[in-house]
Protein backbone atom coordinates (compact mmCIF):
# COMPACT_ATOMS: atom_id res chain seq x y z
CA MET A 1 0.00 0.00 0.00
CA ALA A 2 1.32 3.44 -0.92
CA ILE A 3 -0.21 6.82 -0.16
CA LYS A 4 0.47 9.76 -2.46
CA LEU A 5 0.39 13.10 -0.64
CA GLN A 6 -0.48 16.53 -2.00
CA MET A 7 0.67 19.10 0.54
CA LEU A 8 -1.42 22.20 1.12
CA THR A 9 0.99 23.67 3.65
CA GLU A 10 4.59 24.85 3.56
CA ASP A 11 5.19 24.59 7.29
CA PRO A 12 8.04 22.06 7.78
CA GLN A 13 6.68 20.89 11.13
CA GLU A 14 3.22 20.26 9.69
CA ILE A 15 4.68 18.48 6.65
CA GLU A 16 6.72 16.19 8.90
CA LEU A 17 3.64 15.36 10.97
CA ILE A 18 1.59 14.61 7.84
CA GLU A 19 4.25 12.32 6.41
CA ARG A 20 4.54 10.42 9.69
CA TYR A 21 0.73 10.15 9.94
CA TRP A 22 0.44 8.49 6.50
CA ALA A 23 3.70 6.49 6.57
CA VAL A 24 3.30 2.69 6.13
CA ASP A 25 5.65 -0.29 6.05
CA GLU A 26 6.03 -2.81 3.22
CA LEU A 27 2.97 -4.72 4.46
CA GLY A 28 0.76 -1.64 4.41
CA ARG A 29 0.69 -1.17 8.19
CA TYR A 30 0.89 2.34 9.59
CA LEU A 31 4.21 2.97 11.27
CA GLU A 32 2.88 5.15 14.08
CA LYS A 33 -0.31 5.25 16.11
CA VAL A 34 -2.56 8.28 15.95
CA SER A 35 -2.45 8.58 19.73
CA ASP A 36 1.35 8.93 19.58
CA LEU A 37 1.20 11.74 17.02
CA GLY A 38 -1.46 13.90 18.59
CA GLY A 39 0.82 15.78 20.92
CA LEU A 40 3.56 16.62 18.41
CA ILE A 41 2.01 19.87 17.24
CA GLU A 42 -0.26 22.49 18.75
CA MET A 43 -3.84 22.36 17.49
CA ALA A 44 -6.95 24.37 18.28
CA GLN A 45 -9.15 22.98 21.03
CA GLY A 46 -11.66 20.42 19.76
CA VAL A 47 -9.81 19.79 16.46
CA SER A 48 -8.88 16.14 15.86
CA LEU A 49 -5.55 15.13 14.35
CA ALA A 50 -7.29 13.65 11.28
CA SER A 51 -9.21 16.90 10.70
CA PHE A 52 -6.05 18.96 11.18
CA ILE A 53 -4.20 16.89 8.58
CA ARG A 54 -7.10 16.91 6.06
CA GLN A 55 -6.99 20.71 6.06
CA ARG A 56 -3.31 20.66 5.14
CA CYS A 57 -3.00 17.68 2.83
CA ASN A 58 -4.86 15.66 0.19
CA ALA A 59 -4.11 11.94 0.36
CA PHE A 60 -4.54 9.51 -2.53
CA ASP A 61 -4.42 5.73 -2.31
CA GLU A 62 -2.38 4.21 -5.15
CA ASN A 63 -4.28 0.95 -4.74
CA GLN A 64 -7.55 2.65 -5.63
CA VAL A 65 -8.03 3.99 -9.14
CA CYS A 66 -11.22 5.45 -10.60
CA PRO A 67 -12.46 2.99 -13.27
CA LYS A 68 -13.78 5.89 -15.35
CA CYS A 69 -10.96 8.45 -15.45
CA ALA A 70 -8.05 6.40 -14.02
CA GLU A 71 -7.32 9.04 -11.37
CA LEU A 72 -6.23 7.97 -7.89
CA ILE A 73 -9.00 7.90 -5.29
CA GLU A 74 -8.72 10.52 -2.57
CA ILE A 75 -9.05 9.17 0.98
CA ARG A 76 -9.92 11.13 4.10
CA TYR A 77 -9.13 8.62 6.82
CA ARG A 78 -6.55 5.91 7.36
CA SER A 79 -9.30 3.28 7.40
CA GLU A 80 -10.21 4.11 3.79
CA ALA A 81 -6.84 2.99 2.44
CA LYS A 82 -6.62 -0.49 0.84
CA LYS A 83 -3.68 -2.87 1.13
CA VAL A 84 -4.63 -4.42 -2.22
CA PRO A 85 -6.76 -3.08 -5.10
CA PRO A 86 -10.48 -3.63 -4.36
CA ARG A 87 -12.57 -5.90 -6.58
CA SER A 88 -15.21 -3.22 -7.02
CA PRO A 89 -13.38 0.11 -7.37
CA LYS A 90 -15.33 3.26 -6.61
CA LEU A 91 -15.45 6.39 -8.72
CA GLY A 92 -13.18 9.34 -8.06
CA THR A 93 -14.50 12.55 -6.53
CA LEU A 94 -15.01 14.39 -9.84
CA CYS A 95 -16.57 11.36 -11.51
CA GLN A 96 -18.91 10.93 -8.54
CA LYS A 97 -19.97 14.56 -8.93
CA ASP A 98 -20.48 14.09 -12.67
CA GLN A 99 -22.47 10.93 -12.07
CA GLY A 100 -24.50 12.69 -9.39
CA ALA A 101 -25.22 15.58 -11.74
CA VAL A 102 -26.36 13.19 -14.47
CA ALA A 103 -28.57 11.34 -11.98
CA LEU A 104 -30.03 14.63 -10.73
CA ASP A 105 -30.82 15.75 -14.27
CA ALA A 106 -32.48 12.39 -14.93
CA GLU A 107 -34.58 12.75 -11.78
CA LYS A 108 -35.63 16.27 -12.78
CA THR A 109 -36.59 15.03 -16.24
CA LYS A 110 -38.61 12.19 -14.72
CA ALA A 111 -40.31 14.56 -12.28
CA ALA A 112 -41.30 16.88 -15.12
CA GLU A 113 -42.60 13.97 -17.19
CA LEU A 114 -44.53 12.61 -14.19
CA GLU A 115 -46.14 16.02 -13.67
CA ARG A 116 -47.05 16.23 -17.36
CA GLN A 117 -48.56 12.76 -17.45
CA LEU A 118 -50.52 13.32 -14.24
CA ALA A 119 -51.90 16.60 -15.58
CA GLU A 120 -53.04 14.85 -18.76
CA TYR A 121 -54.48 11.98 -16.71
CA ALA A 122 -56.37 14.43 -14.48
CA ARG A 123 -57.72 16.24 -17.56
CA LYS A 124 -59.07 12.99 -19.02
CA GLN A 125 -60.52 11.97 -15.65
CA SER A 126 -62.35 15.26 -15.25
CA ALA A 127 -63.94 14.80 -18.69
CA ARG A 128 -65.41 11.40 -17.85
CA THR A 129 -69.11 11.18 -17.03
CA VAL A 130 -71.47 8.47 -15.79
CA ASP A 131 -75.14 7.76 -16.44
CA TYR A 132 -76.15 6.97 -12.85
CA SER A 133 -79.57 5.69 -13.96
CA GLU A 134 -77.86 2.75 -15.66
CA ILE A 135 -75.53 1.51 -12.89
CA PRO A 136 -76.34 -1.87 -11.22
CA ASP A 137 -77.94 -2.12 -7.78
CA ASN A 138 -74.82 -3.39 -6.00
CA GLN A 139 -72.90 -0.31 -7.09
CA VAL A 140 -75.80 1.93 -6.08
CA LEU A 141 -75.71 0.40 -2.59
CA LEU A 142 -71.96 0.93 -2.36
CA LEU A 143 -72.32 4.57 -3.38
CA LEU A 144 -75.09 5.13 -0.84
CA ALA A 145 -72.98 3.55 1.91
CA LEU A 146 -69.97 5.61 0.85
CA ASP A 147 -72.03 8.78 0.81
CA ARG A 148 -73.28 8.06 4.31
CA ALA A 149 -69.74 7.33 5.54
CA ILE A 150 -68.07 10.47 4.22
CA THR A 151 -70.81 13.09 3.70
CA PRO A 152 -70.32 15.75 2.44
CA ARG A 153 -67.00 14.77 0.86
CA LEU A 154 -68.45 12.44 -1.77
CA THR A 155 -70.16 15.25 -3.67
CA ASN A 156 -68.15 18.16 -2.33
CA GLY A 157 -64.39 17.76 -2.75
CA GLY A 158 -62.12 14.74 -2.59
CA PHE A 159 -61.61 11.88 -0.17
CA THR A 160 -59.05 9.18 0.60
CA ILE A 161 -59.44 5.57 1.65
CA GLY A 162 -58.68 6.71 5.20
CA ASP A 163 -61.80 8.92 5.11
CA CYS A 164 -63.95 5.87 4.33
CA ARG A 165 -63.43 3.93 7.56
CA GLY A 166 -67.16 4.08 8.27
CA LEU A 167 -67.99 2.33 5.01
CA ALA A 168 -67.28 -1.18 6.29
CA PRO A 169 -65.43 -2.88 9.18
CA ARG A 170 -62.82 -4.35 6.81
CA TYR A 171 -61.61 -4.28 3.20
CA VAL A 172 -62.50 -0.63 2.75
CA GLY A 173 -59.91 -0.28 0.00
CA ASP A 174 -61.46 -3.16 -1.95
CA PHE A 175 -64.88 -1.48 -1.99
CA VAL A 176 -63.39 1.82 -3.15
CA LEU A 177 -61.42 -0.07 -5.81
CA GLN A 178 -64.66 -1.64 -7.10
CA LEU A 179 -66.17 1.81 -7.55
CA ARG A 180 -62.98 3.06 -9.21
CA GLU A 181 -62.90 0.16 -11.66
CA ALA A 182 -66.55 0.83 -12.48
CA GLY A 183 -65.65 4.44 -13.27
CA LEU A 184 -67.89 5.82 -10.51
CA VAL A 185 -65.07 7.36 -8.50
CA LEU A 186 -61.96 8.84 -10.13
CA ASP A 187 -58.43 9.72 -9.07
CA ASP A 188 -57.70 13.40 -8.56
CA PRO A 189 -53.86 13.72 -8.74
CA GLY A 190 -54.02 17.49 -8.32
CA LYS A 191 -55.31 17.13 -4.74
CA ALA A 192 -52.96 14.32 -3.67
CA ARG A 193 -49.98 14.90 -1.39
CA PRO A 194 -46.52 15.17 -3.00
CA GLY A 195 -44.99 11.73 -3.44
CA THR A 196 -48.32 9.95 -3.90
CA TYR A 197 -47.41 9.15 -7.50
CA TYR A 198 -43.89 8.03 -8.35
CA TRP A 199 -41.78 6.22 -10.94
CA GLU A 200 -40.95 2.53 -10.55
CA GLY A 201 -38.90 1.47 -13.54
CA ASP A 202 -40.74 2.90 -16.54
CA GLU A 203 -44.19 2.89 -14.94
CA ILE A 204 -46.07 5.31 -12.70
CA TRP A 205 -47.05 3.82 -9.35
CA MET A 206 -49.07 5.27 -6.50
CA LEU A 207 -49.40 5.02 -2.74
CA ARG A 208 -52.99 3.82 -2.57
CA GLU A 209 -53.64 5.18 0.93
CA GLN A 210 -52.73 8.71 -0.24
CA VAL A 211 -54.71 8.76 -3.49
CA VAL A 212 -57.50 11.37 -3.48
CA TYR A 213 -60.74 10.24 -5.12
CA CYS A 214 -63.75 12.17 -6.36
CA LEU A 215 -67.18 11.24 -7.63
CA ALA A 216 -67.55 10.98 -11.41
CA SER A 217 -69.73 13.67 -12.99
CA ARG A 218 -73.23 12.89 -14.22
CA CYS A 219 -73.72 12.24 -17.91
CA ARG A 220 -74.90 15.37 -19.78
CA VAL A 221 -78.21 15.30 -21.60
CA LYS A 222 -76.66 15.82 -25.02
CA GLU A 223 -74.31 12.89 -24.42
CA CYS A 224 -76.86 10.29 -23.39
CA GLY A 225 -80.00 11.55 -25.13
CA ARG A 226 -82.33 11.60 -22.12
CA ASP A 227 -83.27 13.87 -19.26
CA HIS A 228 -81.79 13.63 -15.77
CA PRO A 229 -83.06 15.08 -12.55
C-alpha cells in the first residue's frame, strides 16, 4: 500500500507530521499510532488530528483507481486505504460529482414527465361522465354507503381511503377499488400529497392510501340523449 500526498501547507513541522501520519511499512501497516502523534504539534481545542491533517494535505491511495478516469482515489481517513486493489473500485471525486449531476438531471426530467402525465391523466378523468340511472344495484348500494360514511365529501371535494373507515369494518380499499374500476369514483392527482405518485422502472405507481378520489360527474343530456333530474 502506498499513499500519495499533496501538501497544502509549507510549514516544515506540519509536513513532517503529515508524512509520519500516513507512513506505512512494506505490508501496508501504519508505522505510528494516531495517539502517539497527537501531541507533536499544537492544534486548536476540539480539532482532531485527522481533521487537522485533512486541512493541510490531500491523500490519494495508489491501490484505488477510478475505473472511469483512471485518477487515484482521494481518501480522508486511514481506514479508507486499501492494502490491495479492491474488486469493485469506486469512482473518483469528480466522476462521482459528474455521475450525481447526471442522476439529478435524470430525476428532474422524470419529475417533469410525471407532472405532465398526471396533468393529462387528471384532464381525461375530469372529462369522464357516468349515467347513474344505468348503474347496477350493487354499485348503487356501495355509493349510498360511501355517501353516508363520508358526507359531504363524496359530492363536495375529494376523499381518501382513510376517510372511508365508516364504510365497512374491513376491506374498505377493496370497496373503493370496485367503484374506481366501475368508473364511478376517479383519481384526482391534483389534490394528492406530493410523493403519492412516483416512478418505478418505466411505470407510474401510486401510494394507494394517499390517493385522493372524487365522484364521477353525471352524464350530460346531449351525451346520453335523455333527461336527468
